[in-house]
Amino acid sequence: MYDYLLGGTDNYQVDREACEELLRLAPSTRDIALINRAFLVRAVRYLARERGVRRFLDHGSGLPTSPNVHEVAQAVDRSCEVVYIDNDPVVAAHGNMSLAEDPSTTAVLEMDMRETDRIFASPQVERLLRGEQPVAALFVSVLHCIPDTDDPWDLVRRVADRLPDGSYMVISQLASDNPDLRASITSFMDAATGGNWGEVRSLEEVNRFFEGFELLETLDNKPVEVSLWHPDSDLAPRQKSKEWIEYGGVALVKKARDGDLSR
């Protein structure tokens, strides 16, 4: 569905039909998808160029959609390494095919992003963590796929706990402070995905993902509607509809001396 909204070709009739129904419920959905993709590109470029990050761990990466994380990062420095994680075998097949040219710097793991222990035990991620260099962990427009019962806040915390000091989190999530809209879209998406959906959350619920982190390039250490995060220019596209938004930011992970995250 995301690929279709972005104007891609890796989608099926059922995806297109579901998207059209979703656009009927929330006409701003396509704008949100495009704005969120632009946020991903800006965040990766910013971390690679301004913060010197050379290692990226992309949770719930989805089908390859250019520019991908490795393309953006490696445009800054060819040595940048990226590990993509997705539990869809189609994603893994497409990803491995497109990344075959340089497996030394890019890899795709066919795993559920909730399997933190298994992910961090993989050779690909262990290699990413070598030398305690900063790693950027991405959860871009995927946490709404995880239900509250699976505690996505704990997932974010588990990943942050395993990253080297001075690493980064990139998080965005579909959010709305309209409870009726949250309920209707959550119900529709749950049905459209056969139960593989989580929650459209309130802004306050998304704020919880960033507790204990230092947000970058935002005012008052708070997340923002993502088109407002470090825009390329004052003329960059902005989300106009307030039905629902992609809400998030980029944060620095600091560790206390005992190894726990500083609060």
Protein backbone atom coordinates (compact mmCIF):
# COMPACT_ATOMS: atom_id res chain seq x y z
CA MET A 1 0.00 0.00 0.00
CA TYR A 2 2.82 2.39 0.92
CA ASP A 3 4.55 1.70 -2.39
CA TYR A 4 1.33 2.50 -4.28
CA LEU A 5 0.84 5.76 -2.38
CA LEU A 6 4.41 6.74 -3.27
CA GLY A 7 3.74 6.10 -6.97
CA GLY A 8 5.70 2.84 -7.13
CA THR A 9 5.01 -0.31 -9.16
CA ASP A 10 5.60 -3.02 -6.51
CA ASN A 11 1.97 -3.41 -5.47
CA TYR A 12 -1.11 -5.47 -6.27
CA GLN A 13 -4.74 -4.80 -7.10
CA VAL A 14 -5.79 -5.51 -3.54
CA ASP A 15 -3.27 -2.89 -2.33
CA ARG A 16 -4.60 -0.31 -4.76
CA GLU A 17 -8.21 -0.98 -3.78
CA ALA A 18 -7.39 -0.71 -0.07
CA CYS A 19 -5.54 2.56 -0.69
CA GLU A 20 -8.46 4.06 -2.55
CA GLU A 21 -10.76 3.21 0.34
CA LEU A 22 -8.27 4.64 2.81
CA LEU A 23 -8.04 7.81 0.72
CA ARG A 24 -11.82 8.08 0.94
CA LEU A 25 -11.62 7.89 4.76
CA ALA A 26 -8.60 10.21 4.98
CA PRO A 27 -7.88 12.11 1.74
CA SER A 28 -4.52 13.35 3.02
CA THR A 29 -3.06 9.83 3.14
CA ARG A 30 -1.02 10.12 -0.06
CA ASP A 31 0.41 13.48 1.01
CA ILE A 32 1.38 11.91 4.35
CA ALA A 33 3.20 9.04 2.62
CA LEU A 34 5.19 11.42 0.42
CA ILE A 35 6.01 13.75 3.31
CA ASN A 36 7.09 10.84 5.49
CA ARG A 37 9.40 9.51 2.78
CA ALA A 38 10.95 12.97 2.46
CA PHE A 39 11.45 13.00 6.25
CA LEU A 40 13.26 9.65 6.06
CA VAL A 41 15.58 10.99 3.36
CA ARG A 42 16.32 14.20 5.30
CA ALA A 43 16.91 12.34 8.57
CA VAL A 44 19.35 9.84 7.05
CA ARG A 45 21.20 12.55 5.14
CA TYR A 46 21.38 14.75 8.25
CA LEU A 47 22.75 11.92 10.40
CA ALA A 48 25.33 10.92 7.80
CA ARG A 49 26.40 14.45 6.86
CA GLU A 50 25.97 16.46 10.07
CA ARG A 51 26.45 13.78 12.73
CA GLY A 52 28.94 11.47 11.04
CA VAL A 53 26.78 8.34 11.33
CA ARG A 54 27.96 5.51 9.10
CA ARG A 55 25.76 2.65 10.33
CA PHE A 56 21.98 2.35 10.04
CA LEU A 57 19.48 -0.26 11.27
CA ASP A 58 16.14 0.11 9.49
CA HIS A 59 13.23 -1.64 11.25
CA GLY A 60 10.23 -2.53 9.08
CA SER A 61 11.89 -1.25 5.94
CA GLY A 62 9.20 -2.39 3.48
CA LEU A 63 9.67 -2.84 -0.25
CA PRO A 64 12.70 -1.04 -1.71
CA THR A 65 11.61 2.46 -2.77
CA SER A 66 14.22 4.79 -4.22
CA PRO A 67 15.94 6.56 -2.68
CA ASN A 68 16.53 3.88 -0.07
CA VAL A 69 18.38 4.41 3.20
CA HIS A 70 21.63 3.01 1.82
CA GLU A 71 21.40 5.17 -1.31
CA VAL A 72 20.95 8.35 0.75
CA ALA A 73 23.66 7.46 3.27
CA GLN A 74 26.17 6.22 0.70
CA ALA A 75 25.71 9.40 -1.33
CA VAL A 76 27.37 11.10 1.67
CA ASP A 77 29.98 8.37 2.27
CA ARG A 78 30.33 5.15 0.29
CA SER A 79 31.42 3.31 3.45
CA CYS A 80 28.00 3.66 5.13
CA GLU A 81 26.50 0.33 6.17
CA VAL A 82 22.78 -0.47 6.37
CA VAL A 83 20.87 -3.46 7.68
CA TYR A 84 17.21 -3.65 6.69
CA ILE A 85 14.72 -5.68 8.76
CA ASP A 86 11.33 -6.86 7.53
CA ASN A 87 9.26 -10.00 8.13
CA ASP A 88 7.76 -10.07 4.63
CA PRO A 89 9.50 -12.66 2.39
CA VAL A 90 8.62 -10.58 -0.69
CA VAL A 91 10.46 -7.62 0.84
CA ALA A 92 13.46 -9.82 1.61
CA ALA A 93 13.54 -11.20 -1.94
CA HIS A 94 13.30 -7.75 -3.54
CA GLY A 95 15.83 -6.33 -1.10
CA ASN A 96 18.42 -9.04 -1.60
CA MET A 97 18.07 -8.72 -5.36
CA SER A 98 18.57 -4.95 -5.32
CA LEU A 99 21.44 -5.11 -2.82
CA ALA A 100 23.33 -7.93 -4.49
CA GLU A 101 25.92 -5.55 -5.95
CA ASP A 102 27.49 -4.75 -2.57
CA PRO A 103 26.59 -7.20 0.21
CA SER A 104 29.53 -5.97 2.30
CA THR A 105 27.75 -2.73 3.18
CA THR A 106 24.05 -3.66 2.92
CA ALA A 107 21.97 -6.58 4.13
CA VAL A 108 18.32 -7.59 4.55
CA LEU A 109 17.15 -9.68 7.51
CA GLU A 110 13.86 -11.51 7.13
CA MET A 111 12.80 -11.10 10.76
CA ASP A 112 9.98 -9.57 12.75
CA MET A 113 11.17 -6.20 14.08
CA ARG A 114 9.82 -7.20 17.52
CA GLU A 115 12.44 -9.99 17.76
CA THR A 116 15.10 -7.74 19.27
CA ASP A 117 17.22 -10.51 20.81
CA ARG A 118 17.30 -12.48 17.56
CA ILE A 119 18.04 -9.39 15.47
CA PHE A 120 20.95 -8.28 17.64
CA ALA A 121 22.35 -11.82 17.71
CA SER A 122 22.55 -11.93 13.91
CA PRO A 123 26.03 -11.68 12.34
CA GLN A 124 24.90 -8.73 10.22
CA VAL A 125 23.86 -6.61 13.21
CA GLU A 126 26.79 -7.77 15.34
CA ARG A 127 29.05 -6.48 12.58
CA LEU A 128 27.14 -3.19 12.54
CA LEU A 129 27.85 -2.78 16.26
CA ARG A 130 31.58 -3.44 16.09
CA GLY A 131 33.86 -0.85 17.65
CA GLU A 132 31.05 0.86 19.56
CA GLN A 133 30.52 3.39 16.78
CA PRO A 134 27.17 5.26 16.72
CA VAL A 135 24.28 3.49 15.00
CA ALA A 136 21.04 5.08 13.81
CA ALA A 137 18.02 2.85 14.50
CA LEU A 138 15.06 3.70 12.27
CA PHE A 139 11.39 3.12 13.08
CA VAL A 140 9.90 5.21 10.30
CA SER A 141 6.14 4.88 9.88
CA VAL A 142 6.11 1.33 11.26
CA LEU A 143 5.27 1.51 14.97
CA HIS A 144 1.60 1.97 14.16
CA CYS A 145 1.78 -1.59 12.79
CA ILE A 146 2.39 -2.88 16.33
CA PRO A 147 -0.60 -3.15 18.71
CA ASP A 148 -0.48 -1.75 22.21
CA THR A 149 -0.59 -5.29 23.57
CA ASP A 150 2.89 -5.88 22.09
CA ASP A 151 4.20 -2.73 23.84
CA PRO A 152 5.98 -0.85 21.04
CA TRP A 153 7.38 1.58 23.65
CA ASP A 154 9.30 -1.29 25.21
CA LEU A 155 10.52 -2.32 21.75
CA VAL A 156 12.03 1.13 21.20
CA ARG A 157 13.62 1.00 24.67
CA ARG A 158 15.07 -2.50 24.09
CA VAL A 159 16.70 -1.41 20.86
CA ALA A 160 18.07 1.80 22.38
CA ASP A 161 19.53 -0.18 25.29
CA ARG A 162 21.54 -2.30 22.85
CA LEU A 163 22.96 0.60 20.83
CA PRO A 164 26.34 2.18 21.57
CA ASP A 165 26.38 5.42 23.52
CA GLY A 166 25.85 8.40 21.24
CA SER A 167 23.61 6.50 18.82
CA TYR A 168 20.40 7.85 17.33
CA MET A 169 16.72 6.95 17.00
CA VAL A 170 14.60 8.04 14.03
CA ILE A 171 10.90 7.59 14.79
CA SER A 172 7.68 8.59 13.07
CA GLN A 173 4.18 7.25 13.58
CA LEU A 174 0.70 7.97 12.25
CA ALA A 175 -1.04 10.04 14.89
CA SER A 176 -4.22 11.99 15.54
CA ASP A 177 -5.84 13.60 18.56
CA ASN A 178 -9.26 12.84 17.09
CA PRO A 179 -10.40 9.61 18.84
CA ASP A 180 -13.10 8.87 16.25
CA LEU A 181 -10.62 9.13 13.39
CA ARG A 182 -8.09 6.96 15.24
CA ALA A 183 -10.74 4.30 15.81
CA SER A 184 -12.12 4.29 12.25
CA ILE A 185 -8.74 4.12 10.49
CA THR A 186 -7.35 1.59 12.96
CA SER A 187 -10.40 -0.62 12.38
CA PHE A 188 -10.16 -0.28 8.59
CA MET A 189 -6.43 -1.00 8.46
CA ASP A 190 -6.77 -3.97 10.80
CA ALA A 191 -9.34 -5.48 8.42
CA ALA A 192 -7.40 -4.53 5.27
CA THR A 193 -4.21 -6.19 6.55
CA GLY A 194 -5.85 -9.31 7.96
CA GLY A 195 -5.10 -8.34 11.54
CA ASN A 196 -1.48 -7.25 10.87
CA TRP A 197 -1.97 -3.75 12.18
CA GLY A 198 -1.51 -1.86 15.39
CA GLU A 199 -2.87 1.55 16.35
CA VAL A 200 -3.16 5.08 15.10
CA ARG A 201 -2.03 6.82 18.30
CA SER A 202 -2.49 10.17 19.97
CA LEU A 203 0.34 12.68 19.93
CA GLU A 204 0.92 12.11 23.63
CA GLU A 205 1.27 8.37 23.06
CA VAL A 206 3.89 9.03 20.37
CA ASN A 207 5.72 11.42 22.71
CA ARG A 208 6.33 8.44 24.98
CA PHE A 209 8.61 6.84 22.38
CA PHE A 210 11.08 9.67 22.94
CA GLU A 211 11.19 9.60 26.74
CA GLY A 212 14.80 9.62 27.95
CA PHE A 213 16.17 10.79 24.59
CA GLU A 214 17.38 14.20 23.45
CA LEU A 215 15.45 15.32 20.40
CA LEU A 216 17.44 17.10 17.70
CA GLU A 217 16.45 20.02 15.49
CA THR A 218 13.14 20.62 17.34
CA LEU A 219 11.90 23.20 19.79
CA ASP A 220 11.25 22.33 23.44
CA ASN A 221 12.58 18.76 23.00
CA LYS A 222 9.27 17.63 21.50
CA PRO A 223 8.42 15.66 18.35
CA VAL A 224 6.85 17.47 15.40
CA GLU A 225 4.72 16.84 12.34
CA VAL A 226 7.56 15.47 10.22
CA SER A 227 7.39 17.97 7.35
CA LEU A 228 8.49 20.54 9.94
CA TRP A 229 11.58 18.56 10.97
CA HIS A 230 14.74 20.15 9.52
CA PRO A 231 13.06 21.11 6.21
CA ASP A 232 15.23 21.54 3.15
CA SER A 233 13.85 25.06 2.72
CA ASP A 234 10.96 27.28 3.74
CA LEU A 235 9.31 26.22 0.47
CA ALA A 236 9.45 22.50 1.24
CA PRO A 237 6.04 20.73 1.15
CA ARG A 238 4.01 20.93 4.34
CA GLN A 239 1.14 18.75 5.42
CA LYS A 240 -2.03 20.82 5.16
CA SER A 241 -4.68 18.40 6.41
CA LYS A 242 -5.07 17.80 10.13
CA GLU A 243 -7.02 14.53 9.81
CA TRP A 244 -3.97 12.62 10.93
CA ILE A 245 -0.26 13.28 10.65
CA GLU A 246 3.12 11.60 10.59
CA TYR A 247 4.57 12.72 13.91
CA GLY A 248 8.09 12.14 15.16
CA GLY A 249 11.69 13.23 15.05
CA VAL A 250 15.36 12.31 15.43
CA ALA A 251 16.82 11.76 18.88
CA LEU A 252 20.21 11.21 20.50
CA VAL A 253 20.67 8.21 22.80
CA LYS A 254 22.82 8.99 25.82
CA LYS A 255 23.88 6.31 28.28
CA ALA A 256 24.46 6.75 32.01
CA ARG A 257 27.66 5.32 33.49
CA ASP A 258 25.93 2.17 34.69
CA GLY A 259 24.92 1.41 31.11
CA ASP A 260 21.28 2.44 31.45
CA LEU A 261 19.80 5.19 29.36
CA SER A 262 20.02 8.57 31.05
CA ARG A 263 16.65 10.04 31.94
